[in-house]
Protein backbone atom coordinates (compact mmCIF):
# COMPACT_ATOMS: atom_id res chain seq x y z
CA MET A 1 88.49 122.68 81.11
CA THR A 2 85.29 123.70 82.83
CA PHE A 3 85.18 126.74 85.04
CA ASP A 4 84.03 126.19 88.60
CA PRO A 5 83.59 129.39 90.63
CA ASP A 6 83.94 127.37 93.86
CA TYR A 7 87.69 127.22 93.18
CA ILE A 8 88.05 131.03 92.97
CA PHE A 9 88.68 133.21 96.03
CA SER A 10 88.54 136.97 95.38
CA ALA A 11 89.12 140.08 97.47
CA GLY A 12 89.46 143.81 96.97
CA SER A 13 92.43 144.03 99.33
CA LEU A 14 95.23 141.89 100.68
CA PRO A 15 95.19 140.42 104.20
CA SER A 16 96.70 142.65 106.88
CA ASP A 17 98.66 139.68 108.26
CA PRO A 18 101.23 138.67 105.62
CA ARG A 19 101.21 135.09 106.93
CA PHE A 20 97.88 134.61 105.21
CA MET A 21 99.03 135.72 101.79
CA PRO A 22 98.27 133.00 99.23
CA PRO A 23 100.89 130.21 99.11
CA LEU A 24 102.02 129.02 95.68
CA ALA A 25 104.08 125.84 95.25
CA ASN A 26 104.57 122.93 92.89
CA GLY A 27 106.26 120.37 95.13
CA PHE A 28 109.74 121.62 94.32
CA LEU A 29 109.56 125.41 94.70
CA GLY A 30 107.21 127.47 96.82
CA TRP A 31 106.64 130.97 98.20
CA ARG A 32 104.01 133.32 99.55
CA VAL A 33 102.78 135.82 97.00
CA PHE A 34 104.88 139.03 96.91
CA ASP A 35 107.27 137.67 99.57
CA SER A 36 110.99 138.29 99.08
CA VAL A 37 111.78 134.72 100.17
CA MET A 38 111.16 131.42 98.42
CA HIS A 39 111.99 127.83 99.35
CA MET A 40 113.19 124.76 97.51
CA GLY A 41 112.36 121.19 98.50
CA GLY A 42 115.15 119.55 100.49
CA VAL A 43 117.18 122.75 100.95
CA TYR A 44 117.84 123.63 104.59
CA ASN A 45 120.37 125.93 106.22
CA GLY A 46 122.11 123.15 108.14
CA GLU A 47 121.81 119.77 109.80
CA GLY A 48 121.55 120.68 113.49
CA GLY A 49 118.50 121.14 115.67
CA THR A 50 118.22 124.80 114.67
CA CYS A 51 117.88 124.03 110.97
CA HIS A 52 115.04 125.49 108.93
CA ARG A 53 114.17 125.77 105.28
CA GLY A 54 116.86 127.75 103.52
CA ASN A 55 115.68 131.23 102.59
CA ILE A 56 116.29 131.83 98.87
CA PRO A 57 115.83 135.34 97.41
CA CYS A 58 112.66 135.34 95.33
CA PRO A 59 112.87 137.16 91.99
CA LEU A 60 109.07 137.44 91.85
CA ALA A 61 108.90 139.76 94.86
CA VAL A 62 107.37 142.35 92.52
CA GLN A 63 104.37 144.65 92.94
CA VAL A 64 102.96 147.22 90.56
CA LYS A 65 102.74 150.96 91.15
CA THR A 66 100.89 153.49 89.00
CA ALA A 67 100.31 157.20 89.14
CA GLU A 68 96.55 156.74 89.11
CA VAL A 69 94.36 155.27 91.84
CA GLY A 70 92.06 152.60 90.54
CA GLN A 71 90.11 149.61 91.72
CA HIS A 72 92.03 146.48 92.73
CA MET A 73 90.98 142.84 92.52
CA TYR A 74 93.04 139.98 93.95
CA GLU A 75 92.11 136.46 92.93
CA LEU A 76 93.37 132.99 93.87
CA ASP A 77 92.39 130.19 91.50
CA MET A 78 92.79 127.01 93.56
CA HIS A 79 92.05 124.78 90.57
CA LYS A 80 94.86 126.13 88.41
CA GLY A 81 97.20 127.21 91.20
CA ILE A 82 97.31 130.80 89.92
CA PHE A 83 97.20 134.14 91.74
CA SER A 84 96.33 137.33 89.90
CA HIS A 85 96.22 141.01 90.76
CA THR A 86 94.09 143.16 88.47
CA MET A 87 93.91 146.97 88.54
CA PHE A 88 91.08 148.75 86.76
CA GLU A 89 92.24 152.22 85.74
CA PRO A 90 90.17 154.72 83.73
CA HIS A 91 92.18 154.10 80.56
CA PHE A 92 93.51 150.56 80.96
CA GLU A 93 93.49 147.30 82.89
CA TYR A 94 96.62 145.79 84.34
CA THR A 95 96.89 142.15 85.43
CA GLN A 96 99.83 140.48 87.13
CA VAL A 97 99.68 136.66 87.15
CA LEU A 98 101.88 134.51 89.42
CA TYR A 99 102.26 130.75 89.60
CA ALA A 100 104.69 127.91 90.20
CA HIS A 101 104.96 125.95 86.96
CA ARG A 102 103.54 122.43 87.26
CA GLN A 103 105.32 120.87 84.29
CA HIS A 104 108.67 122.64 84.59
CA SER A 105 109.07 122.46 88.35
CA ASN A 106 112.19 124.64 88.37
CA LEU A 107 110.21 127.69 87.21
CA LEU A 108 108.28 130.37 89.04
CA VAL A 109 106.36 132.49 86.55
CA MET A 110 105.13 136.08 86.45
CA GLU A 111 103.03 137.33 83.56
CA VAL A 112 102.06 140.97 83.03
CA HIS A 113 99.04 141.81 80.87
CA LEU A 114 97.98 145.31 79.80
CA LYS A 115 94.67 146.05 78.11
CA ARG A 116 93.80 149.51 76.81
CA ILE A 117 90.20 150.47 77.59
CA LYS A 118 89.95 153.40 75.15
CA SER A 119 91.78 154.01 71.88
CA SER A 120 94.56 156.48 72.48
CA ALA A 121 98.07 157.28 71.33
CA GLU A 122 99.10 158.12 74.89
CA PRO A 123 101.59 155.65 76.39
CA ILE A 124 100.61 153.54 79.39
CA THR A 125 103.19 153.69 82.16
CA ILE A 126 103.37 151.36 85.13
CA GLN A 127 106.14 150.84 87.64
CA LEU A 128 107.16 147.40 88.86
CA GLU A 129 108.74 147.63 92.29
CA SER A 130 110.90 144.69 93.35
CA SER A 131 112.09 143.83 96.86
CA PHE A 132 114.46 141.20 95.48
CA LYS A 133 117.92 141.12 97.06
CA SER A 134 120.58 138.71 95.94
CA GLN A 135 121.71 137.86 99.45
CA SER A 136 120.61 135.23 101.95
CA ASP A 137 121.49 134.59 105.58
CA ASP A 138 121.23 130.86 104.88
CA ILE A 139 123.01 130.36 101.55
CA ASP A 140 126.45 131.46 100.43
CA PHE A 141 126.05 132.38 96.78
CA GLN A 142 129.18 132.30 94.65
CA ASN A 143 129.89 133.06 91.00
CA ALA A 144 129.91 129.98 88.82
CA PRO A 145 129.65 129.09 85.13
CA ASP A 146 126.20 129.23 83.57
CA TYR A 147 124.24 126.01 83.95
CA LYS A 148 122.16 125.07 80.92
CA GLY A 149 121.39 128.63 79.98
CA GLY A 150 121.78 130.16 83.42
CA SER A 151 119.27 128.16 85.45
CA SER A 152 120.55 127.28 88.93
CA PHE A 153 117.89 124.59 89.34
CA PRO A 154 117.66 121.11 87.77
CA SER A 155 116.67 120.76 84.15
CA PRO A 156 112.96 120.12 83.58
CA SER A 157 113.85 116.74 82.11
CA GLU A 158 115.57 115.66 85.33
CA GLU A 159 113.67 114.08 88.20
CA PHE A 160 114.31 115.59 91.62
CA ALA A 161 114.29 113.70 94.89
CA PHE A 162 111.15 114.52 96.84
CA GLY A 163 112.09 116.17 100.15
CA GLY A 164 108.98 115.43 102.18
CA VAL A 165 105.99 117.58 103.10
CA SER A 166 106.12 119.88 106.13
CA PRO A 167 103.00 121.16 107.95
CA GLY A 168 103.19 124.57 106.24
CA GLY A 169 104.32 123.32 102.85
CA LEU A 170 107.11 124.77 100.72
CA SER A 171 105.79 128.31 100.98
CA ASN A 172 106.72 128.43 104.68
CA GLY A 173 109.47 127.21 106.97
CA SER A 174 111.90 130.05 107.60
CA ILE A 175 113.54 130.42 111.00
CA ASP A 176 111.03 130.43 113.88
CA GLU A 177 108.22 129.92 111.37
CA ASP A 178 105.90 126.99 110.74
CA TYR A 179 108.02 124.26 112.31
CA HIS A 180 111.10 125.33 110.30
CA GLY A 181 109.83 123.38 107.28
CA HIS A 182 110.61 120.05 108.96
CA VAL A 183 108.75 116.83 108.18
CA PHE A 184 106.61 115.28 110.96
CA TRP A 185 103.96 112.58 111.27
CA ASP A 186 101.73 115.21 109.66
CA GLN A 187 102.98 113.96 106.30
CA ASP A 188 102.40 110.24 106.88
CA THR A 189 99.22 110.31 108.98
CA TRP A 190 97.35 113.42 107.95
CA MET A 191 98.26 114.26 104.35
CA TYR A 192 99.34 110.92 102.90
CA PRO A 193 96.05 108.94 102.95
CA ASN A 194 94.37 111.51 100.69
CA VAL A 195 97.26 111.39 98.22
CA ALA A 196 97.54 107.59 98.22
CA LEU A 197 93.84 107.18 97.42
CA PHE A 198 94.26 108.99 94.09
CA TYR A 199 97.95 109.16 93.13
CA PRO A 200 100.00 106.02 93.88
CA SER A 201 103.11 107.48 92.22
CA LEU A 202 103.06 110.45 94.57
CA ALA A 203 102.36 108.14 97.49
CA ARG A 204 105.43 106.15 96.55
CA ALA A 205 107.49 109.34 96.48
CA VAL A 206 106.57 109.91 100.13
CA LEU A 207 107.76 106.40 100.98
CA GLU A 208 110.98 106.91 99.01
CA TYR A 209 111.68 110.01 101.10
CA ARG A 210 111.53 107.86 104.22
CA VAL A 211 113.77 105.24 102.60
CA ARG A 212 116.39 107.91 101.88
CA THR A 213 116.48 108.81 105.59
CA VAL A 214 117.05 105.24 106.81
CA GLU A 215 120.67 105.80 107.83
CA GLY A 216 119.65 108.79 109.91
CA ALA A 217 116.88 106.72 111.50
CA ARG A 218 119.38 103.98 112.34
CA ALA A 219 121.69 106.52 113.96
CA ASN A 220 118.77 107.96 115.96
CA ALA A 221 118.00 104.52 117.40
CA GLN A 222 121.63 103.76 118.22
CA GLN A 223 122.12 107.09 119.97
CA MET A 224 119.25 106.20 122.29
CA GLY A 225 120.51 102.67 122.89
CA TYR A 226 117.98 100.80 120.76
CA LYS A 227 118.10 98.54 117.73
CA GLY A 228 116.59 99.02 114.29
CA LEU A 229 115.29 102.35 113.04
CA LYS A 230 113.93 105.33 114.93
CA PHE A 231 112.56 107.85 112.44
CA ALA A 232 113.05 111.48 113.35
CA TRP A 233 110.22 113.33 115.02
CA GLU A 234 111.42 116.31 112.98
CA SER A 235 113.14 115.26 109.77
CA ALA A 236 114.90 117.24 107.07
CA VAL A 237 117.36 115.77 104.55
CA THR A 238 119.46 113.21 106.39
CA GLY A 239 116.91 111.63 108.71
CA HIS A 240 118.84 112.67 111.81
CA ASP A 241 116.41 114.29 114.21
CA VAL A 242 116.48 118.08 113.86
CA CYS A 243 113.91 118.79 116.57
CA PRO A 244 115.16 121.79 118.57
CA GLU A 245 113.83 120.26 121.81
CA ASP A 246 115.34 116.92 122.75
CA ILE A 247 112.38 115.65 124.74
CA TYR A 248 110.18 115.45 121.64
CA ALA A 249 112.89 113.73 119.64
CA GLN A 250 113.34 111.19 122.42
CA GLN A 251 109.74 110.56 123.44
CA GLU A 252 107.37 111.16 120.52
CA ILE A 253 108.19 107.76 119.08
CA HIS A 254 104.79 106.98 117.57
CA ILE A 255 106.28 108.47 114.39
CA ASN A 256 107.80 105.02 113.72
CA GLY A 257 104.40 103.36 113.51
CA ASP A 258 102.99 106.27 111.51
CA VAL A 259 105.67 105.77 108.85
CA VAL A 260 105.02 102.02 108.60
CA LEU A 261 101.26 102.57 108.39
CA ALA A 262 101.85 104.64 105.24
CA PHE A 263 103.87 101.78 103.70
CA GLN A 264 101.11 99.34 104.65
CA GLN A 265 98.36 101.46 103.09
CA TYR A 266 100.39 101.82 99.91
CA PHE A 267 100.82 98.07 99.58
CA TYR A 268 97.15 97.33 100.22
CA LEU A 269 96.16 99.88 97.56
CA THR A 270 98.70 98.79 94.94
CA GLN A 271 100.14 95.35 95.81
CA ASP A 272 103.44 96.81 94.61
CA LEU A 273 105.92 94.37 96.13
CA GLU A 274 108.77 95.93 94.15
CA MET A 275 108.62 98.89 96.53
CA PHE A 276 109.49 96.48 99.33
CA LYS A 277 112.21 94.61 97.41
CA GLU A 278 114.33 96.83 95.20
CA GLY A 279 112.69 99.91 96.73
CA ARG A 280 113.95 98.96 100.21
CA GLY A 281 110.53 99.29 101.82
CA SER A 282 111.11 96.04 103.69
CA GLU A 283 114.21 97.60 105.28
CA VAL A 284 111.99 100.32 106.73
CA VAL A 285 109.25 97.98 107.97
CA TRP A 286 111.60 95.43 109.47
CA GLY A 287 113.89 98.05 110.97
CA VAL A 288 110.94 99.60 112.80
CA ALA A 289 109.87 96.17 114.07
CA ASP A 290 113.36 95.62 115.51
CA TYR A 291 113.12 99.00 117.22
CA TRP A 292 109.82 98.19 118.89
CA VAL A 293 111.13 94.89 120.20
CA SER A 294 114.15 96.62 121.73
CA ARG A 295 112.04 99.51 123.07
CA VAL A 296 109.39 97.53 124.99
CA THR A 297 109.70 96.39 128.61
CA TRP A 298 108.25 93.10 129.84
CA ASP A 299 105.99 93.48 132.88
CA ALA A 300 105.93 90.24 134.87
CA TYR A 301 102.89 91.31 136.90
CA ASP A 302 100.40 91.73 134.06
CA GLN A 303 102.32 89.55 131.58
CA GLN A 304 102.38 92.27 128.93
CA TYR A 305 104.90 94.39 127.09
CA HIS A 306 104.94 98.06 128.09
CA ILE A 307 106.32 101.13 126.30
CA LYS A 308 107.40 103.62 128.92
CA GLY A 309 108.39 107.27 128.91
CA VAL A 310 106.72 108.64 125.79
CA ILE A 311 104.85 111.67 124.53
CA PRO A 312 101.55 110.67 122.90
CA PRO A 313 99.98 112.57 120.00
CA ASP A 314 98.29 114.58 122.76
CA GLU A 315 101.31 116.74 123.56
CA TYR A 316 99.85 118.10 126.79
CA TYR A 317 101.43 115.08 128.51
CA PHE A 318 105.08 114.06 128.77
CA THR A 319 106.93 110.94 129.94
CA VAL A 320 103.80 108.79 130.22
CA ASN A 321 103.64 105.02 130.08
CA ASN A 322 101.65 103.00 127.55
CA SER A 323 100.23 105.71 125.36
CA VAL A 324 97.30 103.86 123.81
CA PHE A 325 97.93 105.26 120.33
CA THR A 326 101.68 104.63 120.49
CA ASN A 327 101.21 101.04 121.64
CA ALA A 328 98.46 100.34 119.11
CA VAL A 329 100.42 101.74 116.16
CA ALA A 330 103.45 99.74 117.34
CA GLN A 331 101.32 96.60 117.38
CA SER A 332 100.04 97.36 113.88
CA SER A 333 103.52 97.87 112.44
CA LEU A 334 104.79 94.65 114.05
CA GLN A 335 101.90 92.71 112.55
CA PHE A 336 102.60 94.15 109.10
CA ALA A 337 106.29 93.29 109.46
CA VAL A 338 105.34 89.64 110.01
CA GLU A 339 102.91 89.75 107.08
CA LEU A 340 105.56 91.25 104.81
CA CYS A 341 108.00 88.47 105.70
CA GLY A 342 105.45 85.94 104.45
CA LEU A 343 104.95 87.85 101.21
CA LEU A 344 108.70 87.96 100.57
CA ALA A 345 109.31 84.33 101.60
CA GLN A 346 111.30 85.40 104.67
CA THR A 347 111.10 84.04 108.22
CA ALA A 348 110.00 86.63 110.74
CA PRO A 349 111.83 86.71 114.08
CA PRO A 350 109.39 85.15 116.58
CA GLU A 351 109.74 88.11 118.95
CA TRP A 352 107.93 90.34 116.45
CA GLN A 353 104.69 88.38 116.71
CA ASP A 354 105.15 87.76 120.42
CA THR A 355 105.50 91.49 121.09
CA ALA A 356 102.50 92.30 118.90
CA ASP A 357 100.37 89.72 120.72
CA LYS A 358 101.33 90.80 124.22
CA ILE A 359 101.76 94.58 124.02
CA LYS A 360 99.48 96.44 126.42
CA ILE A 361 96.56 98.34 124.90
CA PRO A 362 95.11 100.41 127.80
CA PHE A 363 91.38 99.81 128.30
CA ASP A 364 89.01 100.61 131.15
CA PRO A 365 86.55 97.67 131.47
CA GLU A 366 84.22 99.60 133.77
CA LEU A 367 83.92 102.78 131.72
CA LYS A 368 84.37 100.79 128.50
CA TYR A 369 86.71 103.23 126.81
CA HIS A 370 90.43 103.57 126.02
CA PRO A 371 92.38 105.82 128.40
CA GLU A 372 95.02 107.81 126.58
CA PHE A 373 97.76 106.32 128.74
CA ASP A 374 98.36 104.69 132.11
CA GLY A 375 97.00 107.00 134.80
CA TYR A 376 94.91 109.18 132.50
CA LEU A 377 91.74 110.33 134.27
CA GLN A 378 88.62 110.67 132.16
CA GLY A 379 87.71 114.32 131.93
CA ASN A 380 91.25 115.69 131.83
CA ALA A 381 91.88 118.14 128.99
CA VAL A 382 93.57 116.93 125.79
CA LYS A 383 95.24 118.87 123.00
CA GLN A 384 94.14 116.99 119.88
CA ALA A 385 92.94 113.75 118.33
CA ASP A 386 94.75 110.86 120.02
CA ALA A 387 92.78 107.89 121.35
CA VAL A 388 90.04 108.56 118.78
CA LEU A 389 92.57 107.57 116.09
CA LEU A 390 92.33 103.96 117.29
CA GLY A 391 89.15 103.45 115.26
CA TYR A 392 90.53 105.24 112.21
CA PRO A 393 93.15 104.98 110.84
CA LEU A 394 94.39 102.15 113.07
CA ALA A 395 91.24 99.98 112.79
CA LEU A 396 91.79 98.60 116.29
CA PRO A 397 89.02 96.03 116.93
CA MET A 398 86.36 97.40 119.27
CA THR A 399 82.59 97.32 119.67
CA PRO A 400 80.41 100.24 118.51
CA GLU A 401 79.74 100.96 122.19
CA VAL A 402 83.45 101.43 122.92
CA ARG A 403 83.94 103.51 119.77
CA ARG A 404 81.07 105.76 120.87
CA ASN A 405 82.44 106.06 124.40
CA ASP A 406 85.88 107.07 123.12
CA LEU A 407 84.39 109.76 120.92
CA GLN A 408 82.15 111.14 123.66
CA ALA A 409 84.85 111.09 126.32
CA TYR A 410 87.44 112.98 124.31
CA GLU A 411 85.19 115.31 122.34
CA ALA A 412 84.06 116.88 125.58
CA VAL A 413 87.59 117.72 126.76
CA THR A 414 89.49 118.51 123.53
CA ASP A 415 90.97 122.00 123.43
CA PRO A 416 88.71 124.13 121.17
CA LEU A 417 91.85 125.96 119.97
CA GLY A 418 93.70 122.73 119.26
CA PRO A 419 95.11 121.77 115.85
CA ALA A 420 92.70 121.96 112.92
CA MET A 421 92.84 118.29 111.87
CA THR A 422 91.26 117.05 115.09
CA TRP A 423 87.59 117.72 114.41
CA GLY A 424 87.71 115.88 111.11
CA MET A 425 88.62 112.71 113.00
CA PHE A 426 85.70 113.12 115.40
CA ALA A 427 83.38 113.68 112.43
CA LEU A 428 84.73 110.57 110.74
CA GLY A 429 84.18 108.53 113.89
CA TRP A 430 80.54 109.57 114.17
CA LEU A 431 79.99 108.72 110.53
CA GLU A 432 81.22 105.20 111.30
CA LEU A 433 78.42 104.98 113.85
CA GLY A 434 75.77 106.30 111.44
CA GLU A 435 75.51 109.74 113.09
CA SER A 436 75.74 111.89 109.98
CA GLU A 437 74.20 115.04 111.45
CA LYS A 438 76.45 114.98 114.51
CA ALA A 439 79.40 114.44 112.20
CA GLN A 440 78.35 117.42 110.08
CA ASN A 441 78.26 119.71 113.11
CA LEU A 442 81.77 118.67 114.11
CA LEU A 443 83.11 119.06 110.61
CA GLN A 444 81.85 122.63 110.60
CA LYS A 445 84.38 123.39 113.35
CA CYS A 446 87.16 122.94 110.79
CA PHE A 447 86.01 126.05 108.96
CA ARG A 448 87.04 128.20 111.94
CA ASN A 449 90.63 127.55 110.95
CA ILE A 450 90.26 128.98 107.44
CA GLN A 451 91.39 132.60 107.24
CA THR A 452 89.99 135.11 104.76
CA PRO A 453 90.23 136.38 102.12
CA PHE A 454 92.17 133.60 100.38
CA GLN A 455 91.02 130.74 102.64
CA VAL A 456 94.48 130.01 104.03
CA TRP A 457 94.35 127.41 106.82
CA SER A 458 95.84 128.16 110.22
CA GLU A 459 96.77 125.58 112.80
CA SER A 460 94.53 127.09 115.47
CA ALA A 461 91.10 128.64 115.13
CA ASP A 462 92.36 132.02 116.39
CA GLY A 463 94.81 132.24 113.48
CA SER A 464 97.87 131.32 115.51
CA GLY A 465 100.31 128.52 114.85
CA CYS A 466 101.39 127.18 111.48
CA VAL A 467 99.83 128.79 108.39
CA ASN A 468 98.91 127.12 105.13
CA PHE A 469 98.34 124.25 107.57
CA LEU A 470 98.33 121.23 105.27
CA THR A 471 97.79 118.97 108.28
CA GLY A 472 94.42 120.55 108.96
CA MET A 473 93.47 120.31 105.29
CA GLY A 474 94.46 116.66 105.38
CA GLY A 475 92.26 115.90 108.37
CA PHE A 476 89.32 117.67 106.75
CA LEU A 477 89.79 115.81 103.46
CA GLN A 478 89.98 112.46 105.24
CA ALA A 479 86.69 113.18 106.94
CA VAL A 480 85.12 113.71 103.52
CA LEU A 481 86.96 111.05 101.50
CA PHE A 482 86.98 108.31 104.14
CA GLY A 483 84.05 109.46 106.25
CA TYR A 484 81.15 110.02 103.85
CA THR A 485 82.24 107.14 101.62
CA GLY A 486 83.30 104.85 104.43
CA PHE A 487 86.41 103.88 102.45
CA ARG A 488 88.78 101.68 104.46
CA VAL A 489 92.00 100.40 102.94
CA GLN A 490 92.20 96.79 104.11
CA LYS A 491 94.40 93.80 103.43
CA GLU A 492 92.34 92.09 100.71
CA HIS A 493 89.83 94.74 99.67
CA LEU A 494 88.74 98.37 99.69
CA ALA A 495 85.75 98.58 102.01
CA PHE A 496 83.03 101.20 101.74
CA ALA A 497 80.01 102.25 103.81
CA PRO A 498 78.51 105.45 102.30
CA LEU A 499 76.58 107.93 104.41
CA ILE A 500 75.84 111.57 103.65
CA PRO A 501 73.94 114.15 105.77
CA GLN A 502 70.40 115.22 104.98
CA ASP A 503 71.41 118.65 103.66
CA VAL A 504 73.78 117.16 101.07
CA ASP A 505 72.23 116.01 97.78
CA ALA A 506 75.14 113.98 96.48
CA LEU A 507 78.86 113.35 96.83
CA ARG A 508 81.00 112.66 93.76
CA VAL A 509 84.53 111.30 94.15
CA LYS A 510 86.50 110.88 90.92
CA GLY A 511 89.72 109.00 90.29
CA VAL A 512 89.87 106.66 93.29
CA THR A 513 92.78 104.32 92.52
CA TYR A 514 92.80 100.68 93.57
CA LEU A 515 94.99 97.86 92.20
CA GLY A 516 95.81 99.87 89.08
CA ASN A 517 92.22 100.94 88.35
CA LYS A 518 90.66 104.37 88.62
CA MET A 519 87.06 104.54 89.78
CA ASP A 520 84.45 107.30 89.87
CA TRP A 521 81.91 107.19 92.71
CA LEU A 522 78.57 108.96 93.09
CA VAL A 523 76.80 108.72 96.46
CA THR A 524 73.25 109.94 97.09
CA SER A 525 70.96 109.34 100.04
CA ALA A 526 69.42 106.33 98.28
CA GLU A 527 71.92 104.97 95.75
CA VAL A 528 75.59 104.54 94.93
CA SER A 529 77.12 104.38 91.44
CA VAL A 530 80.61 103.11 90.63
CA GLU A 531 82.41 103.14 87.28
CA VAL A 532 85.90 101.91 86.42
CA SER A 533 87.71 104.08 83.89
CA VAL A 534 88.64 102.60 80.51
CA GLU A 535 91.46 105.02 79.66
CA VAL A 536 93.59 104.24 82.69
CA ARG A 537 93.49 100.52 81.94
CA LYS A 538 94.80 101.18 78.43
CA SER A 539 97.55 103.59 79.43
CA GLY A 540 98.88 101.94 82.57
CA SER A 541 102.31 100.32 82.40
CA LYS A 542 101.08 97.37 84.44
CA GLU A 543 97.84 95.56 83.68
CA PRO A 544 95.30 96.51 86.38
CA SER A 545 93.56 93.78 88.32
CA ALA A 546 90.00 92.93 87.28
CA LEU A 547 87.65 93.98 90.08
CA GLU A 548 84.31 92.95 91.49
CA LEU A 549 81.93 94.61 93.89
CA VAL A 550 80.56 92.65 96.85
CA LEU A 551 77.55 94.07 98.73
CA SER A 552 76.51 93.40 102.32
CA THR A 553 73.50 91.50 100.96
CA GLY A 554 75.90 88.99 99.39
CA THR A 555 75.40 90.20 95.83
CA THR A 556 78.58 90.09 93.71
CA ILE A 557 78.87 92.30 90.61
CA PRO A 558 81.85 92.34 88.19
CA LEU A 559 83.11 95.87 87.52
CA ILE A 560 83.49 96.16 83.74
CA PRO A 561 85.52 99.21 82.62
CA GLY A 562 83.30 101.88 81.10
CA GLN A 563 80.06 100.44 82.53
CA SER A 564 78.47 102.11 85.55
CA VAL A 565 77.08 99.92 88.34
CA THR A 566 74.30 101.37 90.52
CA PHE A 567 72.96 99.81 93.73
CA LEU A 568 70.99 100.76 96.82
CA ARG A 569 73.18 102.52 99.35
CA GLN A 570 74.74 99.91 101.65
CA PRO A 571 78.15 98.74 102.86
CA GLY A 572 80.33 96.60 100.67
CA GLN A 573 83.80 96.11 99.32
CA ILE A 574 85.85 96.19 96.13
CA ARG A 575 88.18 93.25 95.62
CA LYS A 576 89.94 91.28 92.90
CA LEU A 577 87.52 89.49 90.57
CA ASN A 578 86.67 85.93 91.64
CA SER A 579 88.72 86.23 94.78
CA SER A 580 88.42 83.11 96.89
CA LEU A 581 89.06 85.11 100.04
CA SER A 582 86.36 85.64 102.62
CA CYS A 583 84.52 88.83 101.77
CA TRP A 584 82.35 89.38 104.84
CA PRO A 585 82.12 90.89 107.38
CA ILE A 586 83.83 94.14 106.44
């Protein structure tokens, strides 16, 4: 393994605000370094609206004390997921290493290393002080027989059910902290695309979490008088909405389309129909379609379907009609529901297509932009990315002029202290239009949300809000992975349109997964190189599809595993070899 100093964050002291202590997690267990509380995926203190991640006493709440005063060094290795505290004393060095084990997910590990600086017979004495207490306000611990040697967690050989990703991750989520550890659209819209592009098995785990909450989603819809499935705005284990404020649970319904968009992206990247058959993905997609049909209202005056009384992604506004993002994501999920019926030899209810065709998508023909909702006045303040998400990830058809107008209109009025993921979406939009330098300036705004010394993201630039804000990281990564490459996950191909700013020499993206293949990409200002990995094709359980590269000039190049293909930087697409489908325009 090569050492890359860019992964290492070091400091001589710990942050004064304990919220910005380094988070360590492995997808099953997580905690903040030295904290007396840890969390376990899927473990909450209850089912009601006040539920939060269950606080579990952390046995690694240990810090060292010595009689001597030496120099301290704290280091977070982001590549290995390891935190270390080293003390340099006159006669010895002490290092404490902490990490959540990646292979044995039921283990949190502490290692203590002592190194004598000078030869001496004198003993070295250190004191380990623990704040561990075997009580919890959330869990009633009782004596029980030992389980496989005393471990209270599943055996390493057993798979655990993924419990979803909350905005602050597993290291956060106690009461009144970081959205209680609940799962929002942050998982499906902001974090998921980055995962799906590289790790289809992890992407599927996200979808399986949503499948396991179907009964809760059905109950949510029925309680509100609608058909189908209404996924929780704030979800925990059961899928029943655990949002402490009813108005969000009732009105922030775009979550339904966000969930289906994740299923759609997964299928376009993998063509894994089994996920939609035995895996019950079709139940999710079709249940959401039924919900939308029961939720819309027909307007006889303009001959369109309306969705009334919602909260858009821009949460500065309540009980609005025809949120442009909500309606557009509803349209997208209805269209995919019809498409999925065809793939599974089922007949789609005609009202699905009718609703998709006739749902209102607010548009101002004079100003040539998309108002956020009916009655929105251009120039009014907005909280976060909303209408700008129409271009990406929704791929709503529009001219470059309209795309530019949307970006300009909302960039000027977006709250500068709004959530961290927003500016990545503006940057991505400008990259679509070929404005790499403008995009770079906007992307720089994301760095205001990274708190020293261990580069822990906060929701807002002033350090307030959720910490270890995975949503903000997700927006930033999408700007890089989908912005500078131009990757777009589409029905029959993976489109690309590379563009990097003048002050960047090259961008390398390794391990992009498409139809069972892994590809390495290298983008420079003049050229692009693509290579399909040989090893993955040999080790995969399912034979990957043979691929070809189609350039905007019309040139078609087979992608042979192990052989790099280099071409002048231009748009194009990756598709199945010898596909008879139309390959242009992208």
